[in-house]
Amino acid sequence: MSASGTRIGEYTGRRRGKVWWSFLLRGLIAGALGLCALIWPSASLSILLRLVGLYLLADGVLGLIAAYRSSDRTPYFIQAAISLIIGAILLFWPGATVKTLFVIFGIWVLLSGIMQIVESRQLHPDEPDRGLMTGIGVVAAIVGLVLILWPGTGVVAIAWVIAAAAFVIAALLIFLALRLRRHSGRVEQLGSDR
């Protein structure tokens, strides 16, 4: 590898190393939200939606941190802004009906799934995790559509859909965090081998 290629690799590795933990933390928070939805499915929907709103606000703040630390800020910033806006709506719009709030949450899940599919399509065709990332994006998009099209289903069914969405998003974020950390380690190793 050339000296300039090594410097670029080291810089990229450092940048990725600064972002991976935010994906991991966001994934763990999403997993906790999924557990809450499964454990208390008959809890008040407004409380469950407020928990979702809190998660989205935390996700948005962590996304802004990731955007600040990333060299390619636009995708992180867009996702963080969407999370902050929808999280604020879910938390601070007390007059909204539960159906409206579920449609809003469904829009966020659908957009997250679509963004995941788009990101996976930008990977090299030989990338081993491309199919998995696409599959997770498709599942998230389907869950988002269910929330948008059928927001008036039973409380327990809605709680299960929220739990499924949270677990899919948690799996995706934790997967990305571990992948970024692994790539960061490889780049650092390449830099030390020269």
Foldseek 3Di string as FASTA:
>chain_A
DDPVVLVVLLVQLVLLVQQLVLLLVLLVLLLVLLVVLQVCLVPDLLVNLLSQLVSLQSNLVSLCVNLVSHPNNVVSNVLSVLSNVLSCCSNPVVVDDQLVNLLSVLVNLLVVLVVQLVVLVPDDPVPPCSVVSNVLSVVSNVLSVCSNPCVPDDSSVSSNSSSVSSNSSSVNSNVSSVVSNVSSVVSVVVSVVD
